[in-house]
PDB file of N, CA and C in Angstrom:
ATOM      1  N   UNK A   1     101.036 109.449 111.465  1.00  0.00           N
ATOM      2  CA  UNK A   1     102.192 110.126 111.421  1.00  0.00           C
ATOM      3  C   UNK A   1     102.927 109.523 110.308  1.00  0.00           C
ATOM      4  N   UNK A   2     102.368 108.463 109.366  1.00  0.00           N
ATOM      5  CA  UNK A   2     102.820 107.974 107.700  1.00  0.00           C
ATOM      6  C   UNK A   2     103.076 108.760 107.508  1.00  0.00           C
ATOM      7  N   UNK A   3     101.209 109.553 107.015  1.00  0.00           N
ATOM      8  CA  UNK A   3     101.019 110.551 106.169  1.00  0.00           C
ATOM      9  C   UNK A   3     101.489 111.951 105.870  1.00  0.00           C
ATOM     10  N   UNK A   4     101.820 112.391 107.096  1.00  0.00           N
ATOM     11  CA  UNK A   4     102.161 113.437 107.361  1.00  0.00           C
ATOM     12  C   UNK A   4     103.839 113.174 107.493  1.00  0.00           C
ATOM     13  N   UNK A   5     104.050 112.120 107.032  1.00  0.00           N
ATOM     14  CA  UNK A   5     106.108 111.668 106.982  1.00  0.00           C
ATOM     15  C   UNK A   5     105.766 112.252 105.543  1.00  0.00           C
ATOM     16  N   UNK A   6     105.064 111.420 104.535  1.00  0.00           N
ATOM     17  CA  UNK A   6     104.233 110.811 103.177  1.00  0.00           C
ATOM     18  C   UNK A   6     104.266 112.629 102.159  1.00  0.00           C
ATOM     19  N   UNK A   7     103.397 113.756 102.839  1.00  0.00           N
ATOM     20  CA  UNK A   7     102.942 114.646 103.030  1.00  0.00           C
ATOM     21  C   UNK A   7     104.719 115.506 103.334  1.00  0.00           C
ATOM     22  N   UNK A   8     105.452 116.215 103.850  1.00  0.00           N
ATOM     23  CA  UNK A   8     106.621 117.107 104.078  1.00  0.00           C
ATOM     24  C   UNK A   8     107.349 116.101 102.832  1.00  0.00           C
ATOM     25  N   UNK A   9     107.961 115.614 102.349  1.00  0.00           N
ATOM     26  CA  UNK A   9     107.630 114.486 101.632  1.00  0.00           C
ATOM     27  C   UNK A   9     108.141 115.368 100.360  1.00  0.00           C
ATOM     28  N   UNK A  10     106.249 114.852  99.770  1.00  0.00           N
ATOM     29  CA  UNK A  10     106.306 115.919  98.740  1.00  0.00           C
ATOM     30  C   UNK A  10     107.096 117.220  98.476  1.00  0.00           C
ATOM     31  N   UNK A  11     105.939 117.969  99.962  1.00  0.00           N
ATOM     32  CA  UNK A  11     106.460 118.700  99.816  1.00  0.00           C
ATOM     33  C   UNK A  11     107.898 119.460  98.941  1.00  0.00           C
ATOM     34  N   UNK A  12     109.122 118.675 100.068  1.00  0.00           N
ATOM     35  CA  UNK A  12     110.265 119.254  99.788  1.00  0.00           C
ATOM     36  C   UNK A  12     111.169 118.719  98.510  1.00  0.00           C
ATOM     37  N   UNK A  13     109.799 117.665  97.358  1.00  0.00           N
ATOM     38  CA  UNK A  13     110.354 117.311  96.729  1.00  0.00           C
ATOM     39  C   UNK A  13     110.702 118.586  95.596  1.00  0.00           C
ATOM     40  N   UNK A  14     109.729 119.583  94.905  1.00  0.00           N
ATOM     41  CA  UNK A  14     110.024 120.575  93.724  1.00  0.00           C
ATOM     42  C   UNK A  14     109.527 121.258  94.638  1.00  0.00           C
ATOM     43  N   UNK A  15     110.319 122.559  94.020  1.00  0.00           N
ATOM     44  CA  UNK A  15     109.484 124.115  94.576  1.00  0.00           C
ATOM     45  C   UNK A  15     108.055 123.713  93.155  1.00  0.00           C
ATOM     46  N   UNK A  16     106.699 124.688  94.014  1.00  0.00           N
ATOM     47  CA  UNK A  16     106.148 125.171  93.261  1.00  0.00           C
ATOM     48  C   UNK A  16     105.777 126.381  91.703  1.00  0.00           C
ATOM     49  N   UNK A  17     106.035 126.301  91.601  1.00  0.00           N
ATOM     50  CA  UNK A  17     106.451 127.064  90.884  1.00  0.00           C
ATOM     51  C   UNK A  17     104.775 127.411  89.545  1.00  0.00           C
ATOM     52  N   UNK A  18     104.773 128.639  88.877  1.00  0.00           N
ATOM     53  CA  UNK A  18     103.472 129.019  88.038  1.00  0.00           C
ATOM     54  C   UNK A  18     103.253 127.690  86.947  1.00  0.00           C
ATOM     55  N   UNK A  19     104.197 127.096  85.984  1.00  0.00           N
ATOM     56  CA  UNK A  19     104.054 126.412  85.330  1.00  0.00           C
ATOM     57  C   UNK A  19     104.134 125.291  84.970  1.00  0.00           C
ATOM     58  N   UNK A  20     103.696 124.783  86.151  1.00  0.00           N
ATOM     59  CA  UNK A  20     103.889 122.901  86.522  1.00  0.00           C
ATOM     60  C   UNK A  20     102.737 122.706  86.218  1.00  0.00           C
ATOM     61  N   UNK A  21     103.444 121.310  85.480  1.00  0.00           N
ATOM     62  CA  UNK A  21     101.507 120.185  85.105  1.00  0.00           C
ATOM     63  C   UNK A  21     100.702 120.545  85.353  1.00  0.00           C
ATOM     64  N   UNK A  22      99.406 120.257  85.214  1.00  0.00           N
ATOM     65  CA  UNK A  22      98.357 119.568  86.109  1.00  0.00           C
ATOM     66  C   UNK A  22      97.649 118.551  85.850  1.00  0.00           C
ATOM     67  N   UNK A  23      97.809 117.219  86.663  1.00  0.00           N
ATOM     68  CA  UNK A  23      97.081 115.761  85.977  1.00  0.00           C
ATOM     69  C   UNK A  23      95.536 116.200  86.278  1.00  0.00           C
ATOM     70  N   UNK A  24      94.877 116.096  85.193  1.00  0.00           N
ATOM     71  CA  UNK A  24      93.674 116.756  84.964  1.00  0.00           C
ATOM     72  C   UNK A  24      92.364 115.555  85.019  1.00  0.00           C
ATOM     73  N   UNK A  25      93.229 114.055  84.499  1.00  0.00           N
ATOM     74  CA  UNK A  25      92.015 113.014  85.471  1.00  0.00           C
ATOM     75  C   UNK A  25      92.972 112.543  85.648  1.00  0.00           C
ATOM     76  N   UNK A  26      92.712 110.735  85.790  1.00  0.00           N
ATOM     77  CA  UNK A  26      93.286 110.116  86.579  1.00  0.00           C
ATOM     78  C   UNK A  26      92.306 108.701  86.687  1.00  0.00           C
ATOM     79  N   UNK A  27      92.667 107.683  85.913  1.00  0.00           N
ATOM     80  CA  UNK A  27      92.446 106.446  85.507  1.00  0.00           C
ATOM     81  C   UNK A  27      92.907 105.206  85.714  1.00  0.00           C
ATOM     82  N   UNK A  28      92.700 104.210  87.179  1.00  0.00           N
ATOM     83  CA  UNK A  28      93.448 102.872  87.770  1.00  0.00           C
ATOM     84  C   UNK A  28      92.577 101.368  86.613  1.00  0.00           C
ATOM     85  N   UNK A  29      93.040 100.748  85.972  1.00  0.00           N
ATOM     86  CA  UNK A  29      91.973  99.185  85.244  1.00  0.00           C
ATOM     87  C   UNK A  29      92.690  98.608  85.603  1.00  0.00           C
ATOM     88  N   UNK A  30      92.355  97.586  86.396  1.00  0.00           N
ATOM     89  CA  UNK A  30      92.891  95.881  87.076  1.00  0.00           C
ATOM     90  C   UNK A  30      92.809  95.015  85.365  1.00  0.00           C
ATOM     91  N   UNK A  31      93.605  94.280  85.158  1.00  0.00           N
ATOM     92  CA  UNK A  31      93.197  93.407  84.171  1.00  0.00           C
ATOM     93  C   UNK A  31      94.342  91.807  85.583  1.00  0.00           C
ATOM     94  N   UNK A  32      94.535  91.367  85.091  1.00  0.00           N
ATOM     95  CA  UNK A  32      95.924  89.357  85.172  1.00  0.00           C
ATOM     96  C   UNK A  32      96.155  90.528  85.688  1.00  0.00           C
ATOM     97  N   UNK A  33      96.573  90.746  87.575  1.00  0.00           N
ATOM     98  CA  UNK A  33      96.768  90.739  88.653  1.00  0.00           C
ATOM     99  C   UNK A  33      97.976  93.213  88.484  1.00  0.00           C
ATOM    100  N   UNK A  34      97.558  93.097  87.368  1.00  0.00           N
ATOM    101  CA  UNK A  34      98.632  94.663  87.216  1.00  0.00           C
ATOM    102  C   UNK A  34      97.207  95.234  86.646  1.00  0.00           C
ATOM    103  N   UNK A  35      98.290  96.930  86.374  1.00  0.00           N
ATOM    104  CA  UNK A  35      97.451  97.630  86.693  1.00  0.00           C
ATOM    105  C   UNK A  35      97.682  99.136  85.594  1.00  0.00           C
ATOM    106  N   UNK A  36      96.634  99.179  85.162  1.00  0.00           N
ATOM    107  CA  UNK A  36      97.379 100.154  83.892  1.00  0.00           C
ATOM    108  C   UNK A  36      96.865 101.397  84.522  1.00  0.00           C
ATOM    109  N   UNK A  37      98.160 102.174  84.090  1.00  0.00           N
ATOM    110  CA  UNK A  37      96.803 103.435  84.528  1.00  0.00           C
ATOM    111  C   UNK A  37      96.952 105.146  84.132  1.00  0.00           C
ATOM    112  N   UNK A  38      96.090 105.045  83.936  1.00  0.00           N
ATOM    113  CA  UNK A  38      95.771 107.112  82.417  1.00  0.00           C
ATOM    114  C   UNK A  38      96.007 108.132  82.715  1.00  0.00           C
ATOM    115  N   UNK A  39      96.432 109.200  82.795  1.00  0.00           N
ATOM    116  CA  UNK A  39      96.661 110.021  83.781  1.00  0.00           C
ATOM    117  C   UNK A  39      96.512 110.883  81.829  1.00  0.00           C
ATOM    118  N   UNK A  40      95.628 112.675  82.628  1.00  0.00           N
ATOM    119  CA  UNK A  40      95.639 113.254  80.979  1.00  0.00           C
ATOM    120  C   UNK A  40      95.981 114.049  82.233  1.00  0.00           C
ATOM    121  N   UNK A  41      96.680 114.861  81.284  1.00  0.00           N
ATOM    122  CA  UNK A  41      97.678 116.189  82.567  1.00  0.00           C
ATOM    123  C   UNK A  41      97.229 117.547  81.041  1.00  0.00           C
ATOM    124  N   UNK A  42      97.795 118.884  81.871  1.00  0.00           N
ATOM    125  CA  UNK A  42      98.095 120.101  81.537  1.00  0.00           C
ATOM    126  C   UNK A  42      98.682 120.072  81.268  1.00  0.00           C
ATOM    127  N   UNK A  43     100.008 121.652  81.190  1.00  0.00           N
ATOM    128  CA  UNK A  43     100.857 121.668  81.278  1.00  0.00           C
ATOM    129  C   UNK A  43     101.044 122.611  79.329  1.00  0.00           C
ATOM    130  N   UNK A  44     100.785 124.860  79.932  1.00  0.00           N
ATOM    131  CA  UNK A  44     101.668 125.486  78.704  1.00  0.00           C
ATOM    132  C   UNK A  44     102.383 124.725  77.585  1.00  0.00           C
ATOM    133  N   UNK A  45     103.011 123.744  77.887  1.00  0.00           N
ATOM    134  CA  UNK A  45     104.272 123.561  76.526  1.00  0.00           C
ATOM    135  C   UNK A  45     104.681 124.148  75.290  1.00  0.00           C
ATOM    136  N   UNK A  46     105.842 124.039  75.611  1.00  0.00           N
ATOM    137  CA  UNK A  46     105.881 126.398  74.586  1.00  0.00           C
ATOM    138  C   UNK A  46     107.338 125.426  73.491  1.00  0.00           C
ATOM    139  N   UNK A  47     106.964 123.811  73.590  1.00  0.00           N
ATOM    140  CA  UNK A  47     108.259 123.645  72.948  1.00  0.00           C
ATOM    141  C   UNK A  47     109.996 122.847  73.203  1.00  0.00           C
ATOM    142  N   UNK A  48     111.694 122.253  73.289  1.00  0.00           N
ATOM    143  CA  UNK A  48     112.260 121.899  74.237  1.00  0.00           C
ATOM    144  C   UNK A  48     112.516 122.100  74.614  1.00  0.00           C
ATOM    145  N   UNK A  49     112.571 123.471  75.191  1.00  0.00           N
ATOM    146  CA  UNK A  49     112.465 124.132  76.702  1.00  0.00           C
ATOM    147  C   UNK A  49     111.939 123.290  77.633  1.00  0.00           C
ATOM    148  N   UNK A  50     110.575 124.178  77.193  1.00  0.00           N
ATOM    149  CA  UNK A  50     109.292 123.305  78.390  1.00  0.00           C
ATOM    150  C   UNK A  50     108.426 122.572  77.870  1.00  0.00           C
ATOM    151  N   UNK A  51     108.426 121.689  79.026  1.00  0.00           N
ATOM    152  CA  UNK A  51     107.266 120.646  78.372  1.00  0.00           C
ATOM    153  C   UNK A  51     107.296 119.632  79.535  1.00  0.00           C
ATOM    154  N   UNK A  52     106.096 118.879  79.486  1.00  0.00           N
ATOM    155  CA  UNK A  52     105.947 117.949  80.587  1.00  0.00           C
ATOM    156  C   UNK A  52     106.638 116.796  79.809  1.00  0.00           C
ATOM    157  N   UNK A  53     107.337 115.962  81.143  1.00  0.00           N
ATOM    158  CA  UNK A  53     108.310 114.748  80.867  1.00  0.00           C
ATOM    159  C   UNK A  53     108.458 113.895  81.040  1.00  0.00           C
ATOM    160  N   UNK A  54     106.889 113.635  81.652  1.00  0.00           N
ATOM    161  CA  UNK A  54     106.134 112.285  83.013  1.00  0.00           C
ATOM    162  C   UNK A  54     105.681 113.020  84.052  1.00  0.00           C
ATOM    163  N   UNK A  55     105.758 111.317  84.655  1.00  0.00           N
ATOM    164  CA  UNK A  55     104.822 111.464  85.941  1.00  0.00           C
ATOM    165  C   UNK A  55     105.454 109.807  85.681  1.00  0.00           C
ATOM    166  N   UNK A  56     104.303 110.138  87.443  1.00  0.00           N
ATOM    167  CA  UNK A  56     105.075 108.866  88.060  1.00  0.00           C
ATOM    168  C   UNK A  56     103.866 108.282  89.177  1.00  0.00           C
ATOM    169  N   UNK A  57     103.361 106.730  89.633  1.00  0.00           N
ATOM    170  CA  UNK A  57     102.845 106.320  90.142  1.00  0.00           C
ATOM    171  C   UNK A  57     103.574 106.141  91.402  1.00  0.00           C
ATOM    172  N   UNK A  58     103.205 106.944  93.093  1.00  0.00           N
ATOM    173  CA  UNK A  58     103.404 106.421  93.359  1.00  0.00           C
ATOM    174  C   UNK A  58     102.993 106.095  94.612  1.00  0.00           C
ATOM    175  N   UNK A  59     103.310 104.764  95.541  1.00  0.00           N
ATOM    176  CA  UNK A  59     102.539 104.973  97.070  1.00  0.00           C
ATOM    177  C   UNK A  59     101.871 105.227  97.915  1.00  0.00           C
ATOM    178  N   UNK A  60     101.429 105.296  98.950  1.00  0.00           N
ATOM    179  CA  UNK A  60     101.113 106.189 100.072  1.00  0.00           C
ATOM    180  C   UNK A  60     102.451 106.063 100.858  1.00  0.00           C
ATOM    181  N   UNK A  61     103.572 104.952 100.858  1.00  0.00           N
ATOM    182  CA  UNK A  61     104.756 105.009 101.532  1.00  0.00           C
ATOM    183  C   UNK A  61     106.226 105.583 101.413  1.00  0.00           C
ATOM    184  N   UNK A  62     105.662 106.883  99.978  1.00  0.00           N
ATOM    185  CA  UNK A  62     106.060 106.749  98.769  1.00  0.00           C
ATOM    186  C   UNK A  62     107.235 106.833  98.401  1.00  0.00           C
ATOM    187  N   UNK A  63     107.071 104.715  98.218  1.00  0.00           N
ATOM    188  CA  UNK A  63     108.080 104.101  97.473  1.00  0.00           C
ATOM    189  C   UNK A  63     106.867 104.585  95.763  1.00  0.00           C
ATOM    190  N   UNK A  64     107.557 104.390  95.004  1.00  0.00           N
ATOM    191  CA  UNK A  64     107.769 104.541  93.157  1.00  0.00           C
ATOM    192  C   UNK A  64     107.105 103.705  92.164  1.00  0.00           C
ATOM    193  N   UNK A  65     106.560 103.343  91.945  1.00  0.00           N
ATOM    194  CA  UNK A  65     105.368 102.339  91.888  1.00  0.00           C
ATOM    195  C   UNK A  65     105.590 102.121  90.497  1.00  0.00           C
ATOM    196  N   UNK A  66     106.051 102.915  89.306  1.00  0.00           N
ATOM    197  CA  UNK A  66     105.897 103.737  88.079  1.00  0.00           C
ATOM    198  C   UNK A  66     106.550 104.385  88.248  1.00  0.00           C
ATOM    199  N   UNK A  67     107.268 104.351  86.495  1.00  0.00           N
ATOM    200  CA  UNK A  67     106.935 106.166  85.476  1.00  0.00           C
ATOM    201  C   UNK A  67     106.626 106.266  84.088  1.00  0.00           C
ATOM    202  N   UNK A  68     106.807 106.543  84.265  1.00  0.00           N
ATOM    203  CA  UNK A  68     105.893 107.309  82.578  1.00  0.00           C
ATOM    204  C   UNK A  68     106.372 108.587  81.232  1.00  0.00           C
ATOM    205  N   UNK A  69     107.637 107.947  80.844  1.00  0.00           N
ATOM    206  CA  UNK A  69     108.283 109.332  79.967  1.00  0.00           C
ATOM    207  C   UNK A  69     107.506 110.091  79.320  1.00  0.00           C
ATOM    208  N   UNK A  70     107.642 111.128  79.078  1.00  0.00           N
ATOM    209  CA  UNK A  70     107.250 111.280  78.142  1.00  0.00           C
ATOM    210  C   UNK A  70     107.874 112.074  76.934  1.00  0.00           C
ATOM    211  N   UNK A  71     108.732 111.733  75.780  1.00  0.00           N
ATOM    212  CA  UNK A  71     110.105 112.538  75.737  1.00  0.00           C
ATOM    213  C   UNK A  71     109.383 113.256  74.099  1.00  0.00           C
ATOM    214  N   UNK A  72     108.445 114.247  73.950  1.00  0.00           N
ATOM    215  CA  UNK A  72     107.810 115.479  73.045  1.00  0.00           C
ATOM    216  C   UNK A  72     107.418 116.123  73.830  1.00  0.00           C
ATOM    217  N   UNK A  73     107.350 118.038  73.001  1.00  0.00           N
ATOM    218  CA  UNK A  73     106.488 118.763  74.137  1.00  0.00           C
ATOM    219  C   UNK A  73     105.283 118.408  73.186  1.00  0.00           C
ATOM    220  N   UNK A  74     104.272 118.358  73.817  1.00  0.00           N
ATOM    221  CA  UNK A  74     102.657 118.877  73.378  1.00  0.00           C
ATOM    222  C   UNK A  74     101.959 119.923  73.279  1.00  0.00           C
ATOM    223  N   UNK A  75     102.865 120.549  73.120  1.00  0.00           N
ATOM    224  CA  UNK A  75     102.158 122.774  71.951  1.00  0.00           C
ATOM    225  C   UNK A  75     100.961 122.465  71.496  1.00  0.00           C
ATOM    226  N   UNK A  76     100.317 121.321  70.448  1.00  0.00           N
ATOM    227  CA  UNK A  76      98.961 122.332  70.306  1.00  0.00           C
ATOM    228  C   UNK A  76      98.421 120.175  71.054  1.00  0.00           C
ATOM    229  N   UNK A  77      98.519 119.610  71.614  1.00  0.00           N
ATOM    230  CA  UNK A  77      97.645 118.551  72.262  1.00  0.00           C
ATOM    231  C   UNK A  77      97.290 118.862  73.659  1.00  0.00           C
ATOM    232  N   UNK A  78      96.597 119.486  73.991  1.00  0.00           N
ATOM    233  CA  UNK A  78      96.698 120.188  75.966  1.00  0.00           C
ATOM    234  C   UNK A  78      94.747 119.801  75.581  1.00  0.00           C
ATOM    235  N   UNK A  79      94.085 119.725  76.749  1.00  0.00           N
ATOM    236  CA  UNK A  79      95.569 118.957  77.825  1.00  0.00           C
ATOM    237  C   UNK A  79      95.356 116.979  77.097  1.00  0.00           C
ATOM    238  N   UNK A  80      96.322 116.561  77.391  1.00  0.00           N
ATOM    239  CA  UNK A  80      96.681 114.842  76.537  1.00  0.00           C
ATOM    240  C   UNK A  80      97.101 113.769  77.233  1.00  0.00           C
ATOM    241  N   UNK A  81      96.242 112.529  76.906  1.00  0.00           N
ATOM    242  CA  UNK A  81      95.960 111.678  78.224  1.00  0.00           C
ATOM    243  C   UNK A  81      97.750 110.086  77.765  1.00  0.00           C
ATOM    244  N   UNK A  82      98.212 109.689  78.373  1.00  0.00           N
ATOM    245  CA  UNK A  82      99.025 109.266  78.232  1.00  0.00           C
ATOM    246  C   UNK A  82      98.609 107.548  78.696  1.00  0.00           C
ATOM    247  N   UNK A  83      98.817 106.655  79.195  1.00  0.00           N
ATOM    248  CA  UNK A  83      98.876 105.236  79.738  1.00  0.00           C
ATOM    249  C   UNK A  83     100.324 104.777  80.122  1.00  0.00           C
ATOM    250  N   UNK A  84     100.049 103.903  81.095  1.00  0.00           N
ATOM    251  CA  UNK A  84     101.438 102.902  81.986  1.00  0.00           C
ATOM    252  C   UNK A  84     100.137 101.881  82.752  1.00  0.00           C
ATOM    253  N   UNK A  85     101.569 100.751  81.957  1.00  0.00           N
ATOM    254  CA  UNK A  85     100.699  99.815  81.624  1.00  0.00           C
ATOM    255  C   UNK A  85     101.581  98.949  82.830  1.00  0.00           C
ATOM    256  N   UNK A  86     101.336  97.320  83.664  1.00  0.00           N
ATOM    257  CA  UNK A  86     102.356  96.472  84.183  1.00  0.00           C
ATOM    258  C   UNK A  86     102.731  97.083  85.036  1.00  0.00           C
ATOM    259  N   UNK A  87     101.877  98.230  86.195  1.00  0.00           N
ATOM    260  CA  UNK A  87     101.964  98.843  86.975  1.00  0.00           C
ATOM    261  C   UNK A  87     101.442  97.431  88.400  1.00  0.00           C
ATOM    262  N   UNK A  88     102.115  97.748  89.179  1.00  0.00           N
ATOM    263  CA  UNK A  88     102.167  96.712  90.637  1.00  0.00           C
ATOM    264  C   UNK A  88     101.433  96.971  91.470  1.00  0.00           C
ATOM    265  N   UNK A  89     100.556  96.687  91.513  1.00  0.00           N
ATOM    266  CA  UNK A  89     100.244  97.765  93.349  1.00  0.00           C
ATOM    267  C   UNK A  89      99.715  97.025  94.463  1.00  0.00           C
ATOM    268  N   UNK A  90     100.701  96.989  95.838  1.00  0.00           N
ATOM    269  CA  UNK A  90      99.882  95.891  96.739  1.00  0.00           C
ATOM    270  C   UNK A  90      99.004  95.844  97.415  1.00  0.00           C
ATOM    271  N   UNK A  91      98.418  94.557  97.486  1.00  0.00           N
ATOM    272  CA  UNK A  91      96.970  94.582  97.801  1.00  0.00           C
ATOM    273  C   UNK A  91      96.458  95.095  99.225  1.00  0.00           C
ATOM    274  N   UNK A  92      96.825  95.659  99.509  1.00  0.00           N
ATOM    275  CA  UNK A  92      96.680  96.011 101.030  1.00  0.00           C
ATOM    276  C   UNK A  92      96.568  97.665 100.129  1.00  0.00           C
ATOM    277  N   UNK A  93      97.039  98.542  99.188  1.00  0.00           N
ATOM    278  CA  UNK A  93      96.761  99.775  99.154  1.00  0.00           C
ATOM    279  C   UNK A  93      95.772  99.686  98.521  1.00  0.00           C
ATOM    280  N   UNK A  94      94.717 101.306  99.415  1.00  0.00           N
ATOM    281  CA  UNK A  94      93.288 101.698  98.790  1.00  0.00           C
ATOM    282  C   UNK A  94      93.863 102.901  97.678  1.00  0.00           C
ATOM    283  N   UNK A  95      94.757 103.537  98.027  1.00  0.00           N
ATOM    284  CA  UNK A  95      95.117 104.171  96.855  1.00  0.00           C
ATOM    285  C   UNK A  95      96.956 104.840  96.020  1.00  0.00           C
ATOM    286  N   UNK A  96      97.133 105.957  95.497  1.00  0.00           N
ATOM    287  CA  UNK A  96      98.358 105.939  94.324  1.00  0.00           C
ATOM    288  C   UNK A  96      97.491 107.993  94.133  1.00  0.00           C
ATOM    289  N   UNK A  97      99.000 108.636  94.476  1.00  0.00           N
ATOM    290  CA  UNK A  97      99.038 109.720  94.270  1.00  0.00           C
ATOM    291  C   UNK A  97     100.549 109.648  92.760  1.00  0.00           C
ATOM    292  N   UNK A  98      99.707 110.123  91.982  1.00  0.00           N
ATOM    293  CA  UNK A  98     100.291 110.702  90.558  1.00  0.00           C
ATOM    294  C   UNK A  98     101.166 112.427  90.771  1.00  0.00           C
ATOM    295  N   UNK A  99     102.129 111.457  90.234  1.00  0.00           N
ATOM    296  CA  UNK A  99     103.169 112.742  90.304  1.00  0.00           C
ATOM    297  C   UNK A  99     103.708 113.339  89.146  1.00  0.00           C
ATOM    298  N   UNK A 100     103.507 114.978  88.739  1.00  0.00           N
ATOM    299  CA  UNK A 100     104.248 114.828  86.854  1.00  0.00           C
ATOM    300  C   UNK A 100     105.349 116.318  87.269  1.00  0.00           C
ATOM    301  N   UNK A 101     105.821 116.341  85.793  1.00  0.00           N
ATOM    302  CA  UNK A 101     107.145 116.727  85.999  1.00  0.00           C
ATOM    303  C   UNK A 101     107.144 117.448  84.710  1.00  0.00           C
ATOM    304  N   UNK A 102     108.265 118.576  84.794  1.00  0.00           N
ATOM    305  CA  UNK A 102     108.373 119.367  83.403  1.00  0.00           C
ATOM    306  C   UNK A 102     109.524 119.148  83.764  1.00  0.00           C
ATOM    307  N   UNK A 103     109.565 119.652  82.384  1.00  0.00           N
ATOM    308  CA  UNK A 103     111.844 119.750  82.014  1.00  0.00           C
ATOM    309  C   UNK A 103     112.281 120.823  82.478  1.00  0.00           C
ATOM    310  N   UNK A 104     111.804 121.953  82.762  1.00  0.00           N
ATOM    311  CA  UNK A 104     112.146 123.211  83.221  1.00  0.00           C
ATOM    312  C   UNK A 104     111.145 123.638  84.706  1.00  0.00           C
ATOM    313  N   UNK A 105     111.001 123.303  85.986  1.00  0.00           N
ATOM    314  CA  UNK A 105     109.925 123.138  86.863  1.00  0.00           C
ATOM    315  C   UNK A 105     110.525 121.933  87.714  1.00  0.00           C
ATOM    316  N   UNK A 106     110.472 121.417  86.941  1.00  0.00           N
ATOM    317  CA  UNK A 106     111.029 119.937  87.657  1.00  0.00           C
ATOM    318  C   UNK A 106     109.008 119.157  88.681  1.00  0.00           C
ATOM    319  N   UNK A 107     109.551 118.271  89.432  1.00  0.00           N
ATOM    320  CA  UNK A 107     108.108 117.497  89.883  1.00  0.00           C
ATOM    321  C   UNK A 107     107.767 118.655  90.450  1.00  0.00           C
ATOM    322  N   UNK A 108     106.137 118.862  90.140  1.00  0.00           N
ATOM    323  CA  UNK A 108     104.853 118.613  91.202  1.00  0.00           C
ATOM    324  C   UNK A 108     105.244 119.011  92.830  1.00  0.00           C
ATOM    325  N   UNK A 109     104.525 120.239  93.637  1.00  0.00           N
ATOM    326  CA  UNK A 109     104.886 119.917  94.595  1.00  0.00           C
ATOM    327  C   UNK A 109     103.904 119.105  95.799  1.00  0.00           C
ATOM    328  N   UNK A 110     102.692 119.148  95.003  1.00  0.00           N
ATOM    329  CA  UNK A 110     101.557 118.078  95.892  1.00  0.00           C
ATOM    330  C   UNK A 110     100.825 117.292  94.337  1.00  0.00           C
ATOM    331  N   UNK A 111     101.314 115.791  94.579  1.00  0.00           N
ATOM    332  CA  UNK A 111     100.840 114.774  94.157  1.00  0.00           C
ATOM    333  C   UNK A 111      99.013 114.903  93.926  1.00  0.00           C
ATOM    334  N   UNK A 112      98.878 114.136  92.910  1.00  0.00           N
ATOM    335  CA  UNK A 112      96.989 113.762  92.623  1.00  0.00           C
ATOM    336  C   UNK A 112      96.752 112.983  93.342  1.00  0.00           C
ATOM    337  N   UNK A 113      96.449 112.130  94.422  1.00  0.00           N
ATOM    338  CA  UNK A 113      95.788 111.324  94.127  1.00  0.00           C
ATOM    339  C   UNK A 113      94.538 110.005  93.657  1.00  0.00           C
ATOM    340  N   UNK A 114      95.035 109.484  92.469  1.00  0.00           N
ATOM    341  CA  UNK A 114      93.797 108.709  92.842  1.00  0.00           C
ATOM    342  C   UNK A 114      93.479 106.935  93.758  1.00  0.00           C
ATOM    343  N   UNK A 115      92.274 106.847  94.390  1.00  0.00           N
ATOM    344  CA  UNK A 115      91.378 106.184  94.557  1.00  0.00           C
ATOM    345  C   UNK A 115      92.375 104.363  93.550  1.00  0.00           C
ATOM    346  N   UNK A 116      91.764 103.651  94.132  1.00  0.00           N
ATOM    347  CA  UNK A 116      92.209 102.690  93.302  1.00  0.00           C
ATOM    348  C   UNK A 116      91.785 101.619  94.015  1.00  0.00           C
ATOM    349  N   UNK A 117      90.225 100.773  92.696  1.00  0.00           N
ATOM    350  CA  UNK A 117      89.064 100.332  93.373  1.00  0.00           C
ATOM    351  C   UNK A 117      89.281  98.449  93.057  1.00  0.00           C
ATOM    352  N   UNK A 118      89.368  97.969  93.472  1.00  0.00           N
ATOM    353  CA  UNK A 118      89.747  96.159  93.383  1.00  0.00           C
ATOM    354  C   UNK A 118      88.968  95.447  92.518  1.00  0.00           C
ATOM    355  N   UNK A 119      86.935  96.001  92.609  1.00  0.00           N
ATOM    356  CA  UNK A 119      85.691  95.335  93.151  1.00  0.00           C
ATOM    357  C   UNK A 119      85.800  95.289  90.585  1.00  0.00           C
TER     358      UNK A 119
END
């Protein structure tokens, strides 16, 4: 039932539009008890009026664990990768979701699952 509520939350959070950012790849690396999340995004950035403007790391229960702001368009750098360090992922969590957003379309409606390996 919990996963159904989380899915409903994501589906209601933003409309699905044609030019939403897409998570092409993601990885998580643990060091000294904190995680670094690397995310590769593809988006048809067209300039300051429409570009991928950030992504968040979300726990399965819907809690936001971190946010990476993207402060400028990446018109000539597609896809592109950015990292977020210092993310605390609870020990009982085996996956998170990555949800990107853009300045025009907002948050994507379906986040990308990232499995967490603690080995």
